[in-house]
Every structure is written in C-alpha cells, then in structure tokens.
Amino acid sequence: MTYLLPEMAEIWQQTLNWQPTAQQQAQFQRLYELILEGNRQLNLTRITDPQEFWEKHLWDSLRGIAPLLSANFSPTPLLPCSPVPSAPSALIDIGTGAGFPGVPVTITVPNCTITLLDSTRKKITFIDNILTELALTNAKTLVGRAEEIGQHPQHRQAYDIALIRAVGAASVCAEYTLPLLKQGGLAIIYRGNWTKEETTDLQNAVSQLGGVIELIEKFTTPLSDSIRHCLYVRKIANTALNFPRAVGVPSQKPL
C-alpha cells in the first residue's frame, strides 16, 4: 500500500514563500516511501503518518533554511548562500540520522553541496541508497563523530552553513558546528521549546567558540501549531584549536 504525501502548495507558499517543483514533490514522495521501508530494519522515525511526516520532517527541515529558498523571506538572516551564489556553498548536516534536515535541503537547494554526517554506519549506508534512488548528486555522506570531524583538516573551517537538529543541548550543538564553519559562516540549530536560561547558556558557549547569536526565531508549525525555534549563530572569529573537545566531552561537560 502506498501512502501519498500531501502537496500543501498553499502552505509552502504562505509560510516559506516557496513551492516544490513537480520533480521535488516526486522526490519528497519517494523519500517518504524509502523511510517507511527502511523503518522496518533501522527504526529511523516514529513519524510515519503522511501529514505528520510532511510537517515534522519536510516542512520543519526546510523552515530552518527558509532564507535560502526565497530571497524575499523575512526576517532574513543574511545567509552566505544566496539563492544564486557565484560558487556553490558548502553545507554540513551534523547527526543527520534518517536524513533530516539534510536530504530535504539537498532536494531543494541544488546549487549547494551538502555533506551528511552521522556516526552510525548503518544510517549512512541507508542514506547512500536514498541519494542514489533520488538521483541527488550534490550530496555526499560521511561516517564519523562531530568531535573528530571538527579536528580534521579537510573539514575544519570548510563549510558555509552547518545544520544540526535533535542533537543534544544547544551549547553542545555550538561546539559541534562552529569549528567546522568558515569565518562568516552560519550554524542553524533546530529546537522545539526554548527558554531565556538556554539563551544565556548558548551565549556563554558561542563566545568561547568565536561566534555570536544572530537570531533566535520562534514560530509555529502550520498543521499542529507546535512551537519551534531556529537559532542562527554566526562565526565571527577563529575557533580555538582545543574545540571541539574529545569524543563525549562536549555532552558530558557542556560549555
């Protein structure tokens, strides 16, 4: 039995000032089918209802990069990747898991190159299959821990945008993302609820990592009215070489 994803053209337009093309809609549908199939072996997501999948995986993934999808989106943090960049911008999705937000972003921003990072080889093997099935040539996968990749010369200071969703406390996310960013690059941290205390903790962390909080954006999801936040952290100075700390330390002893 094939479950069909809703198209939601009007909601895409109203909320992101953007709509998927017919090809992108077909890729979203195929992604959904592949996730449902993969769920039998890998326990990728509890979210399998078509509408819930659309909202909590597709829409939520793309809401964080809304300024990349539409030049007219407001409020717009100034992303280094303009809708028509002169050179393709490099993105990394840290702890991509089942491929969110990285795979929907790969589908919708073909002029950028995206690295999908996860420490679980089985999940990366699954995502490799997705990239092949969806004919996505602007993404590549990487097996590893953010703490190790952040110290690797090939990856440190190599990215314009780092995406991180559902991975630890925000201060931990900052320590995972900022070492990977070029100066002027942007970390986009996806959150559910958010408090003033968390803002203080995050400010303390990013100041040690060479960053500033550019925007904390609160919004509600279009179908279930759930509260979500996106935190945009700009890298303004080089990150000290001792960051990220060794595997496990950022989560055990957050900055």
Protein backbone atom coordinates (compact mmCIF):
# COMPACT_ATOMS: atom_id res chain seq x y z
CA MET A 1 0.00 0.00 0.00
CA THR A 2 1.39 3.43 -0.99
CA TYR A 3 0.76 6.37 1.29
CA LEU A 4 0.65 9.68 -0.54
CA LEU A 5 2.21 12.76 0.96
CA PRO A 6 0.03 15.88 0.87
CA GLU A 7 1.23 18.53 -1.60
CA MET A 8 0.45 21.56 0.60
CA ALA A 9 1.33 24.04 -2.18
CA GLU A 10 -0.56 26.90 -0.50
CA ILE A 11 1.06 26.31 2.89
CA TRP A 12 4.53 26.12 1.36
CA GLN A 13 3.84 29.43 -0.39
CA GLN A 14 2.34 31.17 2.66
CA THR A 15 4.98 30.04 5.15
CA LEU A 16 8.20 29.87 3.09
CA ASN A 17 7.33 31.95 0.01
CA TRP A 18 8.33 28.89 -1.99
CA GLN A 19 6.82 25.77 -3.57
CA PRO A 20 8.39 22.49 -4.63
CA THR A 21 8.57 21.73 -8.34
CA ALA A 22 6.86 18.60 -9.65
CA GLN A 23 10.24 16.84 -9.58
CA GLN A 24 10.91 17.89 -5.98
CA GLN A 25 7.43 16.75 -4.94
CA ALA A 26 8.12 13.35 -6.55
CA GLN A 27 11.44 13.18 -4.68
CA PHE A 28 9.71 14.00 -1.38
CA GLN A 29 7.22 11.19 -2.06
CA ARG A 30 9.99 8.71 -2.87
CA LEU A 31 11.93 9.78 0.22
CA TYR A 32 8.85 9.12 2.34
CA GLU A 33 8.43 5.64 0.81
CA LEU A 34 12.11 4.80 1.36
CA ILE A 35 11.93 5.94 5.00
CA LEU A 36 8.85 3.74 5.57
CA GLU A 37 10.70 0.77 4.04
CA GLY A 38 13.89 1.48 5.99
CA ASN A 39 11.95 1.81 9.24
CA ARG A 40 11.38 -1.95 9.27
CA GLN A 41 15.10 -2.61 9.80
CA LEU A 42 16.52 0.59 11.23
CA ASN A 43 13.91 2.26 13.47
CA LEU A 44 14.50 5.60 11.72
CA THR A 45 11.47 7.57 12.88
CA ARG A 46 8.22 7.25 14.83
CA ILE A 47 6.64 9.73 12.43
CA THR A 48 5.03 7.74 9.63
CA ASP A 49 1.62 9.39 9.10
CA PRO A 50 1.74 11.30 5.77
CA GLN A 51 0.63 14.68 7.16
CA GLU A 52 2.80 14.38 10.25
CA PHE A 53 5.78 13.36 8.11
CA TRP A 54 5.19 16.36 5.84
CA GLU A 55 5.08 18.78 8.77
CA LYS A 56 7.65 17.37 11.20
CA HIS A 57 10.23 16.17 8.70
CA LEU A 58 9.84 18.03 5.39
CA TRP A 59 8.42 21.41 6.39
CA ASP A 60 10.44 21.60 9.61
CA SER A 61 13.67 20.73 7.78
CA LEU A 62 13.14 23.48 5.22
CA ARG A 63 11.86 26.11 7.66
CA GLY A 64 15.37 26.44 9.07
CA ILE A 65 16.83 27.32 5.67
CA ALA A 66 13.88 29.45 4.51
CA PRO A 67 16.16 32.37 3.52
CA LEU A 68 17.92 30.07 1.05
CA LEU A 69 14.64 29.17 -0.63
CA SER A 70 13.32 32.68 -1.05
CA ALA A 71 15.13 35.97 -1.48
CA ASN A 72 12.01 37.71 -0.16
CA PHE A 73 11.65 35.75 3.07
CA SER A 74 11.50 37.89 6.19
CA PRO A 75 13.00 38.02 8.76
CA THR A 76 16.08 37.02 6.80
CA PRO A 77 19.37 36.35 8.49
CA LEU A 78 21.99 37.09 5.84
CA LEU A 79 22.99 33.63 4.75
CA PRO A 80 26.30 33.20 2.95
CA CYS A 81 24.48 31.08 0.36
CA SER A 82 22.35 33.46 -1.68
CA PRO A 83 19.68 31.91 -3.93
CA VAL A 84 22.11 32.21 -6.88
CA PRO A 85 25.59 32.05 -5.38
CA SER A 86 28.60 32.63 -7.64
CA ALA A 87 30.20 29.49 -6.20
CA PRO A 88 28.23 26.61 -4.66
CA SER A 89 28.09 26.99 -0.90
CA ALA A 90 29.15 24.05 1.26
CA LEU A 91 26.70 22.79 3.90
CA ILE A 92 27.04 20.05 6.50
CA ASP A 93 24.22 18.30 8.37
CA ILE A 94 25.60 17.01 11.68
CA GLY A 95 23.95 13.90 13.12
CA THR A 96 21.71 13.55 10.08
CA GLY A 97 20.15 10.28 11.33
CA ALA A 98 17.43 9.36 8.86
CA GLY A 99 18.48 12.29 6.68
CA PHE A 100 16.82 15.29 8.31
CA PRO A 101 17.18 18.12 7.66
CA GLY A 102 19.93 17.28 5.16
CA VAL A 103 18.08 15.27 2.48
CA PRO A 104 15.12 17.68 2.06
CA VAL A 105 17.66 20.52 1.92
CA THR A 106 19.65 18.62 -0.74
CA ILE A 107 16.47 18.22 -2.81
CA THR A 108 15.53 21.89 -2.61
CA VAL A 109 18.90 23.70 -2.82
CA PRO A 110 20.63 22.02 -5.79
CA ASN A 111 23.15 24.88 -6.16
CA CYS A 112 24.78 23.98 -2.82
CA THR A 113 26.87 20.94 -1.90
CA ILE A 114 25.84 19.08 1.23
CA THR A 115 27.74 16.66 3.47
CA LEU A 116 25.54 14.34 5.55
CA LEU A 117 27.38 13.30 8.72
CA ASP A 118 26.37 10.56 11.15
CA SER A 119 28.31 8.28 13.48
CA THR A 120 26.13 5.23 12.69
CA ARG A 121 27.37 3.43 9.59
CA LYS A 122 24.01 1.65 9.00
CA LYS A 123 22.23 5.01 8.77
CA ILE A 124 24.82 6.39 6.36
CA THR A 125 24.52 3.25 4.20
CA PHE A 126 20.74 3.82 4.17
CA ILE A 127 21.22 7.47 3.16
CA ASP A 128 23.63 6.46 0.38
CA ASN A 129 20.77 4.37 -1.02
CA ILE A 130 18.39 7.35 -0.76
CA LEU A 131 20.82 9.63 -2.64
CA THR A 132 21.11 7.04 -5.41
CA GLU A 133 17.34 6.43 -5.60
CA LEU A 134 16.57 10.17 -5.74
CA ALA A 135 19.44 10.90 -8.16
CA LEU A 136 20.88 13.52 -5.81
CA THR A 137 24.39 14.33 -6.99
CA ASN A 138 25.00 17.42 -4.81
CA ALA A 139 25.30 15.46 -1.54
CA LYS A 140 27.86 13.13 -0.06
CA THR A 141 27.92 11.13 3.16
CA LEU A 142 30.44 10.86 5.97
CA VAL A 143 30.64 8.40 8.86
CA GLY A 144 32.13 9.94 11.99
CA ARG A 145 31.72 11.84 15.23
CA ALA A 146 31.42 15.62 15.14
CA GLU A 147 34.21 15.93 17.72
CA GLU A 148 36.66 14.12 15.42
CA ILE A 149 35.48 15.65 12.14
CA GLY A 150 35.82 19.13 13.68
CA GLN A 151 39.54 18.50 14.25
CA HIS A 152 40.10 17.08 10.75
CA PRO A 153 41.98 19.50 8.43
CA GLN A 154 39.75 18.57 5.48
CA HIS A 155 36.60 19.61 7.36
CA ARG A 156 37.63 22.25 9.89
CA GLN A 157 36.63 25.74 8.67
CA ALA A 158 35.39 24.17 5.42
CA TYR A 159 31.65 24.93 5.49
CA ASP A 160 29.43 27.97 4.93
CA ILE A 161 26.43 26.57 6.80
CA ALA A 162 26.15 23.84 9.45
CA LEU A 163 22.73 22.34 10.20
CA ILE A 164 22.06 20.45 13.42
CA ARG A 165 18.70 19.07 14.56
CA ALA A 166 17.77 16.92 17.57
CA VAL A 167 21.37 16.56 18.76
CA GLY A 168 21.98 17.46 22.44
CA ALA A 169 21.86 20.79 24.25
CA ALA A 170 22.31 23.95 22.17
CA SER A 171 25.72 24.69 23.72
CA VAL A 172 26.83 21.19 22.63
CA CYS A 173 25.46 21.88 19.13
CA ALA A 174 27.50 25.10 19.04
CA GLU A 175 30.69 23.19 19.92
CA TYR A 176 29.95 20.65 17.17
CA THR A 177 29.17 23.24 14.47
CA LEU A 178 31.40 26.31 14.89
CA PRO A 179 34.79 24.59 14.37
CA LEU A 180 33.51 23.31 11.00
CA LEU A 181 32.46 26.76 9.76
CA LYS A 182 34.44 29.26 7.74
CA GLN A 183 34.65 32.68 9.32
CA GLY A 184 31.36 34.40 8.49
CA GLY A 185 29.61 31.02 8.26
CA LEU A 186 26.32 30.24 9.96
CA ALA A 187 25.19 27.46 12.31
CA ILE A 188 21.46 26.71 12.18
CA ILE A 189 20.34 24.89 15.33
CA TYR A 190 16.83 23.41 15.22
CA ARG A 191 14.95 23.31 18.56
CA GLY A 192 11.50 22.70 19.96
CA ASN A 193 10.92 24.73 23.12
CA TRP A 194 13.41 27.37 24.18
CA THR A 195 14.00 29.36 27.38
CA LYS A 196 15.87 32.51 28.42
CA GLU A 197 18.18 30.37 30.56
CA GLU A 198 19.12 28.38 27.45
CA THR A 199 19.91 31.64 25.64
CA THR A 200 22.32 32.59 28.44
CA ASP A 201 24.00 29.17 28.28
CA LEU A 202 24.28 29.38 24.50
CA GLN A 203 25.72 32.92 24.61
CA ASN A 204 28.36 31.73 27.06
CA ALA A 205 29.27 28.80 24.78
CA VAL A 206 29.38 30.67 21.48
CA SER A 207 31.52 33.48 22.95
CA GLN A 208 34.18 30.85 23.72
CA LEU A 209 33.87 29.36 20.22
CA GLY A 210 34.21 32.52 18.15
CA GLY A 211 30.51 33.06 17.46
CA VAL A 212 27.57 35.37 18.15
CA ILE A 213 23.85 34.61 18.27
CA GLU A 214 22.44 36.42 15.27
CA LEU A 215 18.77 35.47 15.61
CA ILE A 216 16.53 33.31 17.76
CA GLU A 217 13.39 32.77 15.75
CA LYS A 218 10.20 31.41 17.28
CA PHE A 219 7.45 30.07 15.02
CA THR A 220 4.58 27.59 14.98
CA THR A 221 4.22 24.62 12.67
CA PRO A 222 1.43 25.02 10.07
CA LEU A 223 -0.69 21.93 10.83
CA SER A 224 -0.36 21.17 14.55
CA ASP A 225 0.57 24.67 15.81
CA SER A 226 3.57 23.26 17.67
CA ILE A 227 6.10 25.81 18.90
CA ARG A 228 9.52 25.56 17.28
CA HIS A 229 12.68 27.65 17.31
CA CYS A 230 15.62 28.10 14.99
CA LEU A 231 18.82 29.54 16.39
CA TYR A 232 21.16 31.25 13.93
CA VAL A 233 24.75 31.54 15.20
CA ARG A 234 27.31 33.46 13.14
CA LYS A 235 31.02 32.63 13.30
CA ILE A 236 32.95 35.90 13.62
CA ALA A 237 36.38 34.71 14.79
CA ASN A 238 38.51 31.59 14.56
CA THR A 239 37.57 28.80 16.97
CA ALA A 240 40.34 27.90 19.43
CA LEU A 241 42.14 24.70 18.42
CA ASN A 242 41.11 22.87 21.62
CA PHE A 243 37.48 22.87 20.34
CA PRO A 244 35.71 20.61 19.72
CA ARG A 245 36.91 18.66 22.74
CA ALA A 246 37.39 14.87 22.71
CA VAL A 247 34.53 12.49 21.86
CA GLY A 248 31.87 12.54 24.59
CA VAL A 249 33.27 15.55 26.49
CA PRO A 250 31.00 18.26 24.98
CA SER A 251 27.84 16.38 26.00
CA GLN A 252 29.20 15.38 29.44
CA LYS A 253 30.63 18.80 30.28
CA PRO A 254 28.78 21.44 28.21
CA LEU A 255 30.48 24.82 27.97
